[in-house]
Each structure stands twice: as C-alpha cells, then as structure tokens.
C-alpha cells in the first residue's frame, strides 16, 4: 500500500474540525429559532453530519494501522482524531436531549451556551488549520488560549444557568430536562478544550 503523505492526516483533522463547526452552527440555529415540532427533522440533519465525521475518523484510523511513517506519534494522531470526533458527538447529544427530554420552550442562557460552542469550534478549526505549521506559527498558542478562555466563560454561564434553573423553575420535569441539556452543553465546551489541550501537547512534544 502506498504511503499517505503528511497532508492526508492534516486534511483529515481539518475535515473533522469543519464537521464540528457545522454541527455547532446547526445546534445554534435550532436553538435560536426553536420549534420543538421540527426537532426530529433537525436531528436527522445533525446525524448526517455525525455519520460523515465518523467516516473521516475511520478512514484516518484505517490508514494509521498500516502507516510506517507519520507526521508525529501515531498515539497522538489517534488521540487528536478521537477528541475532534467527540466534539461532534457531544453537540449531537444536546439536540437528542432537547428531543427526548421533551423541551418545548428555549431558555436564553442555553442559547448563550450554544453560541459559545460555535465560537469554540471556530477557534478549533483555526487551530487545526495552523497545526501543519506549528513550528513557525505565531498564532497557534493564542488559539489554544482562546479556546481555554471560552471554556472557562462557559463554565461561569453554566453555573449561573443551573442556579437560576433550580431557584426559579417549579416544574420538576423541566428541572430534570434542563439539568440534562445544560450538562451536555457544558460537555461540548469541555470537549473543545480537550482538542486545544491535545494540540498543545502535540506541539510541545514535537518542538
């Protein structure tokens, strides 16, 4: 089998990051114009993005099994592919929970958290795009810091949202539902930070 050049791996990372961005924008769009009667259709859209992202990851892993030479350690390649895919999976999970927890009205702080996920995935896309030039990039560490900052800010919004939920909502079913949704929105930001930290670790090990 002919060896794939380094661009195959970097292109795969870019494609994975692009799918995470598409998923985040779809989630934000759903939440801004929330219509619970259309959730099933939007879930199908989201699942299509998730399946396409899985194919990218599987293709990279199939190549990695037989590769003799890679741009950096194969374990790091596998880890970065994994954490990028986790972002898309987590975003899909938010939409699933809006559906099966039977959320019928949107909350402003949830929209704020979804928009933060959009910003985090956009920085991830920029970060992954810089990865092939990591030895001379002037912006890569700034992008890592930007994602870390978004995650910290998202934690603050999450804490405030949970406090408001538990002190103002009197419907126990809605408390349960939104507890679930908020947790998974927070997970999206956490997963974006894992991508940034994984890239940062790869750069440190190979500089």
N, C-alpha and C. Protein backbone atom coordinates (compact mmCIF):
# COMPACT_ATOMS: atom_id res chain seq x y z
N UNK A 1 0.84 -1.19 0.00
CA UNK A 1 0.00 0.00 0.00
C UNK A 1 0.88 1.25 0.00
N UNK A 2 0.57 2.19 -0.87
CA UNK A 2 1.34 3.42 -0.94
C UNK A 2 1.15 4.24 0.34
N UNK A 3 2.26 4.82 0.78
CA UNK A 3 2.19 5.62 2.00
C UNK A 3 1.47 6.93 1.72
N UNK A 4 0.54 7.28 2.60
CA UNK A 4 -0.10 8.58 2.53
C UNK A 4 0.90 9.64 3.01
N UNK A 5 0.92 10.79 2.36
CA UNK A 5 1.81 11.82 2.84
C UNK A 5 1.19 12.54 4.04
N UNK A 6 1.97 13.42 4.64
CA UNK A 6 1.51 14.06 5.87
C UNK A 6 0.22 14.83 5.68
N UNK A 7 0.00 15.37 4.47
CA UNK A 7 -1.19 16.18 4.24
C UNK A 7 -2.47 15.38 4.45
N UNK A 8 -2.43 14.06 4.25
CA UNK A 8 -3.61 13.23 4.49
C UNK A 8 -4.10 13.38 5.92
N UNK A 9 -3.17 13.34 6.88
CA UNK A 9 -3.54 13.43 8.29
C UNK A 9 -4.05 14.84 8.63
N UNK A 10 -3.33 15.83 8.16
CA UNK A 10 -3.74 17.20 8.46
C UNK A 10 -5.08 17.54 7.79
N UNK A 11 -5.28 17.03 6.58
CA UNK A 11 -6.56 17.26 5.90
C UNK A 11 -7.70 16.57 6.65
N UNK A 12 -7.43 15.40 7.19
CA UNK A 12 -8.44 14.68 7.97
C UNK A 12 -8.81 15.46 9.23
N UNK A 13 -7.79 16.01 9.90
CA UNK A 13 -8.08 16.83 11.08
C UNK A 13 -8.92 18.05 10.71
N UNK A 14 -8.57 18.68 9.58
CA UNK A 14 -9.34 19.85 9.14
C UNK A 14 -10.79 19.47 8.86
N UNK A 15 -10.97 18.34 8.17
CA UNK A 15 -12.33 17.90 7.85
C UNK A 15 -13.13 17.61 9.13
N UNK A 16 -12.47 17.00 10.10
CA UNK A 16 -13.15 16.72 11.38
C UNK A 16 -13.54 18.01 12.09
N UNK A 17 -12.64 18.98 12.10
CA UNK A 17 -12.93 20.25 12.73
C UNK A 17 -14.06 20.98 12.00
N UNK A 18 -14.07 20.88 10.68
CA UNK A 18 -15.14 21.51 9.90
C UNK A 18 -16.49 20.88 10.22
N UNK A 19 -16.52 19.58 10.40
CA UNK A 19 -17.78 18.91 10.77
C UNK A 19 -18.25 19.36 12.16
N UNK A 20 -17.32 19.53 13.08
CA UNK A 20 -17.69 20.03 14.40
C UNK A 20 -18.29 21.43 14.29
N UNK A 21 -17.72 22.27 13.44
CA UNK A 21 -18.27 23.62 13.22
C UNK A 21 -19.67 23.55 12.62
N UNK A 22 -19.84 22.69 11.65
CA UNK A 22 -21.16 22.56 11.04
C UNK A 22 -22.19 22.11 12.07
N UNK A 23 -21.81 21.17 12.91
CA UNK A 23 -22.72 20.68 13.95
C UNK A 23 -23.06 21.80 14.92
N UNK A 24 -22.06 22.59 15.32
CA UNK A 24 -22.29 23.67 16.28
C UNK A 24 -23.22 24.74 15.69
N UNK A 25 -23.02 25.08 14.44
CA UNK A 25 -23.87 26.08 13.79
C UNK A 25 -25.30 25.57 13.65
N UNK A 26 -25.44 24.28 13.37
CA UNK A 26 -26.78 23.71 13.28
C UNK A 26 -27.47 23.75 14.64
N UNK A 27 -26.76 23.38 15.69
CA UNK A 27 -27.33 23.43 17.03
C UNK A 27 -27.76 24.86 17.39
N UNK A 28 -26.90 25.83 17.11
CA UNK A 28 -27.23 27.22 17.40
C UNK A 28 -28.45 27.67 16.61
N UNK A 29 -28.51 27.28 15.36
CA UNK A 29 -29.66 27.64 14.52
C UNK A 29 -30.96 27.06 15.08
N UNK A 30 -30.90 25.81 15.50
CA UNK A 30 -32.08 25.16 16.09
C UNK A 30 -32.53 25.91 17.34
N UNK A 31 -31.58 26.29 18.17
CA UNK A 31 -31.93 26.89 19.46
C UNK A 31 -32.39 28.34 19.31
N UNK A 32 -31.82 29.07 18.35
CA UNK A 32 -32.26 30.45 18.13
C UNK A 32 -33.68 30.51 17.58
N UNK A 33 -34.00 29.59 16.68
CA UNK A 33 -35.35 29.58 16.10
C UNK A 33 -36.11 28.35 16.56
N UNK A 34 -36.11 28.12 17.86
CA UNK A 34 -36.56 26.84 18.39
C UNK A 34 -38.01 26.53 18.06
N UNK A 35 -38.18 25.35 17.49
CA UNK A 35 -39.51 24.82 17.16
C UNK A 35 -39.47 23.33 17.48
N UNK A 36 -40.02 22.96 18.63
CA UNK A 36 -39.89 21.57 19.07
C UNK A 36 -40.56 20.59 18.10
N UNK A 37 -41.49 21.07 17.30
CA UNK A 37 -42.15 20.18 16.35
C UNK A 37 -41.25 19.83 15.16
N UNK A 38 -40.18 20.56 14.97
CA UNK A 38 -39.25 20.30 13.87
C UNK A 38 -37.99 19.57 14.35
N UNK A 39 -37.93 19.23 15.62
CA UNK A 39 -36.70 18.66 16.16
C UNK A 39 -36.29 17.37 15.47
N UNK A 40 -37.25 16.52 15.16
CA UNK A 40 -36.90 15.25 14.51
C UNK A 40 -36.17 15.49 13.19
N UNK A 41 -36.66 16.45 12.41
CA UNK A 41 -36.01 16.75 11.12
C UNK A 41 -34.61 17.29 11.34
N UNK A 42 -34.45 18.18 12.31
CA UNK A 42 -33.13 18.74 12.57
C UNK A 42 -32.17 17.69 13.12
N UNK A 43 -32.72 16.73 13.88
CA UNK A 43 -31.88 15.63 14.37
C UNK A 43 -31.35 14.80 13.21
N UNK A 44 -32.15 14.61 12.17
CA UNK A 44 -31.69 13.87 11.00
C UNK A 44 -30.54 14.62 10.33
N UNK A 45 -30.65 15.94 10.24
CA UNK A 45 -29.56 16.74 9.68
C UNK A 45 -28.29 16.55 10.51
N UNK A 46 -28.45 16.64 11.82
CA UNK A 46 -27.31 16.51 12.71
C UNK A 46 -26.69 15.12 12.62
N UNK A 47 -27.52 14.11 12.53
CA UNK A 47 -26.99 12.75 12.45
C UNK A 47 -26.20 12.54 11.16
N UNK A 48 -26.63 13.19 10.10
CA UNK A 48 -25.88 13.11 8.85
C UNK A 48 -24.48 13.69 9.00
N UNK A 49 -24.37 14.80 9.72
CA UNK A 49 -23.05 15.40 9.98
C UNK A 49 -22.21 14.46 10.83
N UNK A 50 -22.83 13.88 11.86
CA UNK A 50 -22.10 12.98 12.76
C UNK A 50 -21.60 11.74 12.03
N UNK A 51 -22.43 11.18 11.16
CA UNK A 51 -22.02 9.98 10.41
C UNK A 51 -20.87 10.30 9.45
N UNK A 52 -20.94 11.45 8.82
CA UNK A 52 -19.86 11.86 7.92
C UNK A 52 -18.56 12.07 8.69
N UNK A 53 -18.66 12.64 9.89
CA UNK A 53 -17.48 12.82 10.74
C UNK A 53 -16.89 11.47 11.15
N UNK A 54 -17.75 10.50 11.43
CA UNK A 54 -17.27 9.16 11.78
C UNK A 54 -16.48 8.53 10.63
N UNK A 55 -16.93 8.74 9.41
CA UNK A 55 -16.23 8.19 8.25
C UNK A 55 -14.83 8.77 8.12
N UNK A 56 -14.70 10.05 8.42
CA UNK A 56 -13.38 10.68 8.38
C UNK A 56 -12.46 10.03 9.41
N UNK A 57 -12.97 9.86 10.61
CA UNK A 57 -12.16 9.25 11.68
C UNK A 57 -11.80 7.81 11.33
N UNK A 58 -12.75 7.05 10.82
CA UNK A 58 -12.46 5.66 10.47
C UNK A 58 -11.42 5.56 9.36
N UNK A 59 -11.52 6.46 8.38
CA UNK A 59 -10.54 6.46 7.29
C UNK A 59 -9.14 6.76 7.80
N UNK A 60 -9.05 7.72 8.72
CA UNK A 60 -7.74 8.04 9.29
C UNK A 60 -7.19 6.87 10.09
N UNK A 61 -8.04 6.24 10.89
CA UNK A 61 -7.58 5.13 11.72
C UNK A 61 -7.17 3.93 10.87
N UNK A 62 -7.91 3.69 9.79
CA UNK A 62 -7.54 2.59 8.88
C UNK A 62 -6.15 2.82 8.30
N UNK A 63 -5.87 4.04 7.92
CA UNK A 63 -4.55 4.36 7.38
C UNK A 63 -3.48 4.25 8.44
N UNK A 64 -3.80 4.67 9.65
CA UNK A 64 -2.82 4.69 10.73
C UNK A 64 -2.36 3.29 11.10
N UNK A 65 -3.24 2.31 10.96
CA UNK A 65 -2.91 0.93 11.29
C UNK A 65 -1.73 0.41 10.47
N UNK A 66 -1.67 0.83 9.20
CA UNK A 66 -0.65 0.29 8.29
C UNK A 66 0.49 1.26 8.02
N UNK A 67 0.40 2.48 8.56
CA UNK A 67 1.41 3.50 8.27
C UNK A 67 2.72 3.21 8.99
N UNK A 68 3.83 3.42 8.29
CA UNK A 68 5.15 3.26 8.89
C UNK A 68 5.71 4.60 9.36
N UNK A 69 5.38 5.64 8.61
CA UNK A 69 5.88 6.98 8.93
C UNK A 69 4.70 7.92 9.04
N UNK A 70 4.66 8.68 10.12
CA UNK A 70 3.57 9.62 10.35
C UNK A 70 4.16 10.97 10.76
N UNK A 71 3.41 12.06 10.64
CA UNK A 71 3.96 13.38 10.95
C UNK A 71 4.34 13.56 12.42
N UNK A 72 3.69 12.84 13.30
CA UNK A 72 4.07 12.75 14.71
C UNK A 72 3.55 11.43 15.26
N UNK A 73 3.75 11.18 16.54
CA UNK A 73 3.44 9.86 17.11
C UNK A 73 2.03 9.40 16.75
N UNK A 74 1.93 8.13 16.37
CA UNK A 74 0.62 7.61 15.98
C UNK A 74 -0.39 7.69 17.13
N UNK A 75 0.08 7.55 18.37
CA UNK A 75 -0.83 7.66 19.50
C UNK A 75 -1.43 9.06 19.58
N UNK A 76 -0.62 10.07 19.27
CA UNK A 76 -1.12 11.44 19.29
C UNK A 76 -2.08 11.71 18.14
N UNK A 77 -1.81 11.12 16.99
CA UNK A 77 -2.72 11.25 15.85
C UNK A 77 -4.07 10.62 16.20
N UNK A 78 -4.03 9.44 16.77
CA UNK A 78 -5.26 8.76 17.15
C UNK A 78 -6.03 9.56 18.20
N UNK A 79 -5.31 10.12 19.17
CA UNK A 79 -5.96 10.89 20.23
C UNK A 79 -6.61 12.16 19.67
N UNK A 80 -5.90 12.86 18.81
CA UNK A 80 -6.47 14.09 18.25
C UNK A 80 -7.69 13.78 17.40
N UNK A 81 -7.63 12.71 16.62
CA UNK A 81 -8.79 12.30 15.83
C UNK A 81 -9.97 11.97 16.74
N UNK A 82 -9.68 11.31 17.84
CA UNK A 82 -10.73 10.90 18.79
C UNK A 82 -11.39 12.11 19.44
N UNK A 83 -10.59 13.06 19.93
CA UNK A 83 -11.18 14.19 20.64
C UNK A 83 -11.92 15.14 19.69
N UNK A 84 -11.46 15.23 18.45
CA UNK A 84 -12.21 16.02 17.47
C UNK A 84 -13.58 15.40 17.21
N UNK A 85 -13.60 14.09 17.08
CA UNK A 85 -14.88 13.40 16.84
C UNK A 85 -15.81 13.53 18.05
N UNK A 86 -15.23 13.56 19.24
CA UNK A 86 -16.04 13.71 20.46
C UNK A 86 -16.83 15.02 20.45
N UNK A 87 -16.24 16.08 19.89
CA UNK A 87 -16.93 17.37 19.85
C UNK A 87 -18.24 17.25 19.07
N UNK A 88 -18.16 16.66 17.89
CA UNK A 88 -19.37 16.49 17.08
C UNK A 88 -20.38 15.58 17.78
N UNK A 89 -19.90 14.52 18.39
CA UNK A 89 -20.79 13.61 19.12
C UNK A 89 -21.51 14.33 20.25
N UNK A 90 -20.79 15.15 21.00
CA UNK A 90 -21.40 15.86 22.13
C UNK A 90 -22.43 16.87 21.67
N UNK A 91 -22.15 17.54 20.57
CA UNK A 91 -23.11 18.51 20.03
C UNK A 91 -24.38 17.80 19.60
N UNK A 92 -24.23 16.66 18.93
CA UNK A 92 -25.41 15.88 18.55
C UNK A 92 -26.19 15.48 19.81
N UNK A 93 -25.48 15.16 20.88
CA UNK A 93 -26.12 14.75 22.12
C UNK A 93 -27.02 15.81 22.71
N UNK A 94 -26.66 17.07 22.54
CA UNK A 94 -27.52 18.16 23.05
C UNK A 94 -28.85 18.14 22.32
N UNK A 95 -28.80 18.03 21.00
CA UNK A 95 -30.04 18.02 20.22
C UNK A 95 -30.90 16.81 20.59
N UNK A 96 -30.27 15.67 20.79
CA UNK A 96 -31.02 14.47 21.19
C UNK A 96 -31.74 14.71 22.51
N UNK A 97 -31.08 15.36 23.44
CA UNK A 97 -31.69 15.57 24.75
C UNK A 97 -32.81 16.60 24.70
N UNK A 98 -32.69 17.59 23.86
CA UNK A 98 -33.82 18.51 23.68
C UNK A 98 -35.06 17.76 23.22
N UNK A 99 -34.82 16.72 22.42
CA UNK A 99 -35.94 15.94 21.88
C UNK A 99 -36.52 14.98 22.91
N UNK A 100 -35.67 14.10 23.47
CA UNK A 100 -36.26 13.06 24.31
C UNK A 100 -36.57 13.53 25.73
N UNK A 101 -36.03 14.70 26.14
CA UNK A 101 -36.48 15.30 27.39
C UNK A 101 -37.71 16.19 27.18
N UNK A 102 -38.18 16.24 25.93
CA UNK A 102 -39.42 16.94 25.57
C UNK A 102 -39.37 18.42 25.95
N UNK A 103 -38.27 19.07 25.58
CA UNK A 103 -38.16 20.52 25.79
C UNK A 103 -39.05 21.22 24.75
N UNK A 104 -39.90 22.10 25.20
CA UNK A 104 -40.83 22.78 24.29
C UNK A 104 -40.58 24.29 24.21
N UNK A 105 -39.84 24.85 25.17
CA UNK A 105 -39.52 26.27 25.17
C UNK A 105 -38.03 26.45 25.43
N UNK A 106 -37.42 27.37 24.69
CA UNK A 106 -35.98 27.58 24.81
C UNK A 106 -35.67 28.61 25.90
N UNK A 107 -34.50 28.46 26.51
CA UNK A 107 -34.04 29.37 27.54
C UNK A 107 -32.85 30.19 27.01
N UNK A 108 -32.81 31.46 27.38
CA UNK A 108 -31.80 32.37 26.84
C UNK A 108 -30.38 31.94 27.20
N UNK A 109 -30.20 31.44 28.41
CA UNK A 109 -28.84 31.06 28.80
C UNK A 109 -28.37 29.82 28.04
N UNK A 110 -29.29 28.96 27.63
CA UNK A 110 -28.91 27.81 26.81
C UNK A 110 -28.46 28.27 25.43
N UNK A 111 -29.15 29.27 24.88
CA UNK A 111 -28.74 29.84 23.59
C UNK A 111 -27.35 30.45 23.71
N UNK A 112 -27.11 31.15 24.83
CA UNK A 112 -25.79 31.74 25.07
C UNK A 112 -24.70 30.66 25.10
N UNK A 113 -24.99 29.55 25.75
CA UNK A 113 -24.01 28.46 25.81
C UNK A 113 -23.79 27.84 24.44
N UNK A 114 -24.85 27.69 23.66
CA UNK A 114 -24.71 27.13 22.31
C UNK A 114 -23.86 28.04 21.44
N UNK A 115 -24.05 29.35 21.57
CA UNK A 115 -23.24 30.28 20.79
C UNK A 115 -21.77 30.25 21.21
N UNK A 116 -21.52 29.95 22.45
CA UNK A 116 -20.14 29.80 22.91
C UNK A 116 -19.51 28.55 22.30
N UNK A 117 -20.31 27.51 22.13
CA UNK A 117 -19.82 26.30 21.47
C UNK A 117 -19.46 26.62 20.02
N UNK A 118 -20.28 27.43 19.36
CA UNK A 118 -19.96 27.85 17.99
C UNK A 118 -18.60 28.54 17.95
N UNK A 119 -18.39 29.49 18.85
CA UNK A 119 -17.13 30.21 18.88
C UNK A 119 -15.95 29.28 19.16
N UNK A 120 -16.16 28.33 20.07
CA UNK A 120 -15.08 27.39 20.40
C UNK A 120 -14.73 26.51 19.20
N UNK A 121 -15.73 26.03 18.48
CA UNK A 121 -15.44 25.17 17.33
C UNK A 121 -14.79 25.97 16.20
N UNK A 122 -15.15 27.23 16.07
CA UNK A 122 -14.49 28.07 15.06
C UNK A 122 -13.02 28.28 15.38
N UNK A 123 -12.72 28.46 16.66
CA UNK A 123 -11.31 28.57 17.05
C UNK A 123 -10.60 27.24 16.86
N UNK A 124 -11.29 26.12 17.12
CA UNK A 124 -10.70 24.80 16.89
C UNK A 124 -10.36 24.62 15.41
N UNK A 125 -11.25 25.06 14.55
CA UNK A 125 -10.99 24.95 13.11
C UNK A 125 -9.74 25.75 12.73
N UNK A 126 -9.61 26.95 13.26
CA UNK A 126 -8.42 27.75 13.00
C UNK A 126 -7.17 27.08 13.58
N UNK A 127 -7.32 26.52 14.77
CA UNK A 127 -6.20 25.86 15.44
C UNK A 127 -5.69 24.68 14.63
N UNK A 128 -6.61 23.83 14.19
CA UNK A 128 -6.22 22.66 13.40
C UNK A 128 -5.61 23.08 12.06
N UNK A 129 -6.11 24.17 11.50
CA UNK A 129 -5.56 24.67 10.24
C UNK A 129 -4.12 25.13 10.40
N UNK A 130 -3.77 25.57 11.61
CA UNK A 130 -2.40 26.02 11.88
C UNK A 130 -1.46 24.87 12.20
N UNK A 131 -2.00 23.70 12.51
CA UNK A 131 -1.18 22.60 13.01
C UNK A 131 -0.03 22.21 12.09
N UNK A 132 -0.22 22.14 10.76
CA UNK A 132 0.93 21.77 9.91
C UNK A 132 2.10 22.74 10.02
N UNK A 133 1.84 23.96 10.47
CA UNK A 133 2.89 24.99 10.56
C UNK A 133 3.28 25.26 12.02
N UNK A 134 3.06 24.26 12.88
CA UNK A 134 3.19 24.53 14.31
C UNK A 134 4.59 25.00 14.72
N UNK A 135 5.62 24.63 13.98
CA UNK A 135 6.97 25.02 14.37
C UNK A 135 7.27 26.49 14.10
N UNK A 136 6.45 27.12 13.25
CA UNK A 136 6.68 28.52 12.95
C UNK A 136 5.43 29.39 13.11
N UNK A 137 4.36 28.77 13.59
CA UNK A 137 3.10 29.51 13.73
C UNK A 137 3.21 30.56 14.84
N UNK A 138 2.68 31.76 14.53
CA UNK A 138 2.65 32.83 15.52
C UNK A 138 1.31 32.89 16.27
N UNK A 139 0.36 32.12 15.79
CA UNK A 139 -0.99 32.24 16.35
C UNK A 139 -1.48 30.98 17.06
N UNK A 140 -0.79 29.87 16.92
CA UNK A 140 -1.30 28.61 17.44
C UNK A 140 -1.53 28.66 18.95
N UNK A 141 -0.56 29.14 19.71
CA UNK A 141 -0.74 29.20 21.16
C UNK A 141 -1.84 30.18 21.55
N UNK A 142 -1.99 31.25 20.78
CA UNK A 142 -3.07 32.20 21.05
C UNK A 142 -4.43 31.54 20.87
N UNK A 143 -4.54 30.66 19.86
CA UNK A 143 -5.80 29.97 19.61
C UNK A 143 -6.09 28.96 20.72
N UNK A 144 -5.06 28.27 21.20
CA UNK A 144 -5.24 27.37 22.34
C UNK A 144 -5.78 28.14 23.53
N UNK A 145 -5.18 29.29 23.81
CA UNK A 145 -5.62 30.13 24.93
C UNK A 145 -7.05 30.61 24.73
N UNK A 146 -7.40 30.95 23.47
CA UNK A 146 -8.75 31.42 23.17
C UNK A 146 -9.79 30.35 23.49
N UNK A 147 -9.51 29.11 23.12
CA UNK A 147 -10.44 28.02 23.40
C UNK A 147 -10.55 27.79 24.91
N UNK A 148 -9.42 27.83 25.59
CA UNK A 148 -9.43 27.68 27.06
C UNK A 148 -10.27 28.77 27.71
N UNK A 149 -10.18 29.97 27.20
CA UNK A 149 -10.94 31.10 27.76
C UNK A 149 -12.44 30.91 27.54
N UNK A 150 -12.81 30.47 26.34
CA UNK A 150 -14.23 30.21 26.06
C UNK A 150 -14.77 29.15 27.01
N UNK A 151 -13.99 28.10 27.24
CA UNK A 151 -14.43 27.02 28.13
C UNK A 151 -14.64 27.55 29.56
N UNK A 152 -13.72 28.40 30.02
CA UNK A 152 -13.85 28.99 31.35
C UNK A 152 -15.10 29.86 31.44
N UNK A 153 -15.32 30.67 30.42
CA UNK A 153 -16.51 31.52 30.39
C UNK A 153 -17.79 30.68 30.35
N UNK A 154 -17.74 29.58 29.59
CA UNK A 154 -18.90 28.69 29.51
C UNK A 154 -19.21 28.06 30.85
N UNK A 155 -18.17 27.75 31.62
CA UNK A 155 -18.39 27.22 32.98
C UNK A 155 -19.15 28.21 33.84
N UNK A 156 -18.80 29.48 33.73
CA UNK A 156 -19.48 30.51 34.52
C UNK A 156 -20.96 30.63 34.12
N UNK A 157 -21.21 30.58 32.81
CA UNK A 157 -22.59 30.65 32.33
C UNK A 157 -23.37 29.43 32.80
N UNK A 158 -22.72 28.27 32.76
CA UNK A 158 -23.35 27.03 33.21
C UNK A 158 -23.75 27.12 34.68
N UNK A 159 -22.85 27.59 35.53
CA UNK A 159 -23.14 27.69 36.96
C UNK A 159 -24.31 28.64 37.20
N UNK A 160 -24.28 29.78 36.53
CA UNK A 160 -25.37 30.74 36.69
C UNK A 160 -26.69 30.17 36.18
N UNK A 161 -26.64 29.47 35.03
CA UNK A 161 -27.86 28.88 34.46
C UNK A 161 -28.45 27.82 35.38
N UNK A 162 -27.60 26.99 35.96
CA UNK A 162 -28.08 25.95 36.85
C UNK A 162 -28.67 26.55 38.13
N UNK A 163 -28.03 27.60 38.63
CA UNK A 163 -28.56 28.27 39.82
C UNK A 163 -29.95 28.86 39.53
N UNK A 164 -30.08 29.53 38.39
CA UNK A 164 -31.37 30.11 38.01
C UNK A 164 -32.43 29.03 37.84
N UNK A 165 -32.04 27.93 37.20
CA UNK A 165 -32.98 26.82 36.99
C UNK A 165 -33.51 26.30 38.30
N UNK A 166 -32.61 26.04 39.24
CA UNK A 166 -33.01 25.40 40.49
C UNK A 166 -33.68 26.35 41.47
N UNK A 167 -33.58 27.63 41.25
CA UNK A 167 -34.20 28.59 42.17
C UNK A 167 -35.47 29.23 41.61
N UNK A 168 -35.73 29.04 40.33
CA UNK A 168 -36.91 29.70 39.74
C UNK A 168 -37.90 28.74 39.08
N UNK A 169 -37.44 27.57 38.68
CA UNK A 169 -38.33 26.64 37.98
C UNK A 169 -39.04 25.74 39.00
N UNK A 170 -40.35 25.67 38.91
CA UNK A 170 -41.13 24.88 39.87
C UNK A 170 -41.61 23.56 39.30
N UNK A 171 -41.37 23.32 38.04
CA UNK A 171 -41.79 22.08 37.39
C UNK A 171 -40.63 21.08 37.46
N UNK A 172 -40.75 20.01 38.26
CA UNK A 172 -39.63 19.08 38.41
C UNK A 172 -39.21 18.40 37.11
N UNK A 173 -40.15 18.18 36.20
CA UNK A 173 -39.79 17.58 34.91
C UNK A 173 -38.93 18.52 34.08
N UNK A 174 -39.26 19.80 34.14
CA UNK A 174 -38.44 20.79 33.41
C UNK A 174 -37.07 20.95 34.05
N UNK A 175 -37.02 20.88 35.37
CA UNK A 175 -35.72 20.94 36.05
C UNK A 175 -34.85 19.77 35.60
N UNK A 176 -35.43 18.59 35.58
CA UNK A 176 -34.69 17.41 35.13
C UNK A 176 -34.21 17.58 33.69
N UNK A 177 -35.12 18.01 32.82
CA UNK A 177 -34.80 18.14 31.40
C UNK A 177 -33.67 19.13 31.18
N UNK A 178 -33.78 20.31 31.79
CA UNK A 178 -32.78 21.33 31.55
C UNK A 178 -31.46 21.02 32.25
N UNK A 179 -31.53 20.33 33.36
CA UNK A 179 -30.29 19.85 34.00
C UNK A 179 -29.51 19.01 33.01
N UNK A 180 -30.20 18.13 32.31
CA UNK A 180 -29.59 17.26 31.32
C UNK A 180 -29.01 18.06 30.14
N UNK A 181 -29.78 18.99 29.63
CA UNK A 181 -29.35 19.79 28.48
C UNK A 181 -28.15 20.66 28.84
N UNK A 182 -28.23 21.35 29.98
CA UNK A 182 -27.10 22.21 30.39
C UNK A 182 -25.82 21.40 30.56
N UNK A 183 -25.94 20.24 31.17
CA UNK A 183 -24.77 19.39 31.38
C UNK A 183 -24.10 19.05 30.04
N UNK A 184 -24.90 18.76 29.05
CA UNK A 184 -24.33 18.36 27.77
C UNK A 184 -23.83 19.55 26.97
N UNK A 185 -24.42 20.72 27.15
CA UNK A 185 -23.84 21.92 26.56
C UNK A 185 -22.47 22.21 27.18
N UNK A 186 -22.37 22.05 28.47
CA UNK A 186 -21.07 22.24 29.13
C UNK A 186 -20.05 21.23 28.60
N UNK A 187 -20.50 19.99 28.36
CA UNK A 187 -19.60 18.96 27.85
C UNK A 187 -19.04 19.35 26.50
N UNK A 188 -19.84 20.01 25.68
CA UNK A 188 -19.36 20.45 24.36
C UNK A 188 -18.16 21.38 24.51
N UNK A 189 -18.27 22.34 25.42
CA UNK A 189 -17.15 23.26 25.66
C UNK A 189 -15.95 22.53 26.23
N UNK A 190 -16.20 21.60 27.14
CA UNK A 190 -15.11 20.80 27.71
C UNK A 190 -14.38 20.02 26.61
N UNK A 191 -15.14 19.46 25.69
CA UNK A 191 -14.53 18.66 24.61
C UNK A 191 -13.71 19.54 23.67
N UNK A 192 -14.18 20.77 23.43
CA UNK A 192 -13.39 21.69 22.62
C UNK A 192 -12.06 22.00 23.31
N UNK A 193 -12.10 22.19 24.61
CA UNK A 193 -10.86 22.44 25.36
C UNK A 193 -9.94 21.23 25.28
N UNK A 194 -10.48 20.04 25.30
CA UNK A 194 -9.65 18.83 25.17
C UNK A 194 -8.92 18.82 23.83
N UNK A 195 -9.59 19.26 22.77
CA UNK A 195 -8.93 19.35 21.47
C UNK A 195 -7.76 20.33 21.55
N UNK A 196 -8.02 21.51 22.10
CA UNK A 196 -6.97 22.53 22.20
C UNK A 196 -5.80 22.02 23.03
N UNK A 197 -6.09 21.37 24.14
CA UNK A 197 -5.03 20.86 25.00
C UNK A 197 -4.25 19.72 24.34
N UNK A 198 -4.94 18.91 23.55
CA UNK A 198 -4.27 17.83 22.82
C UNK A 198 -3.32 18.40 21.78
N UNK A 199 -3.78 19.40 21.04
CA UNK A 199 -2.90 20.07 20.07
C UNK A 199 -1.70 20.69 20.78
N UNK A 200 -1.96 21.36 21.88
CA UNK A 200 -0.87 21.99 22.64
C UNK A 200 0.15 20.96 23.08
N UNK A 201 -0.32 19.81 23.54
CA UNK A 201 0.59 18.74 23.96
C UNK A 201 1.41 18.22 22.79
N UNK A 202 0.77 18.03 21.65
CA UNK A 202 1.49 17.56 20.46
C UNK A 202 2.59 18.54 20.08
N UNK A 203 2.26 19.81 20.10
CA UNK A 203 3.23 20.84 19.73
C UNK A 203 4.41 20.83 20.71
N UNK A 204 4.12 20.73 22.00
CA UNK A 204 5.19 20.73 23.00
C UNK A 204 6.12 19.52 22.82
N UNK A 205 5.54 18.37 22.48
CA UNK A 205 6.34 17.15 22.33
C UNK A 205 7.18 17.14 21.07
N UNK A 206 6.79 17.95 20.09
CA UNK A 206 7.47 17.91 18.79
C UNK A 206 8.22 19.19 18.45
N UNK A 207 8.36 20.06 19.44
CA UNK A 207 9.07 21.33 19.21
C UNK A 207 10.52 21.22 19.68
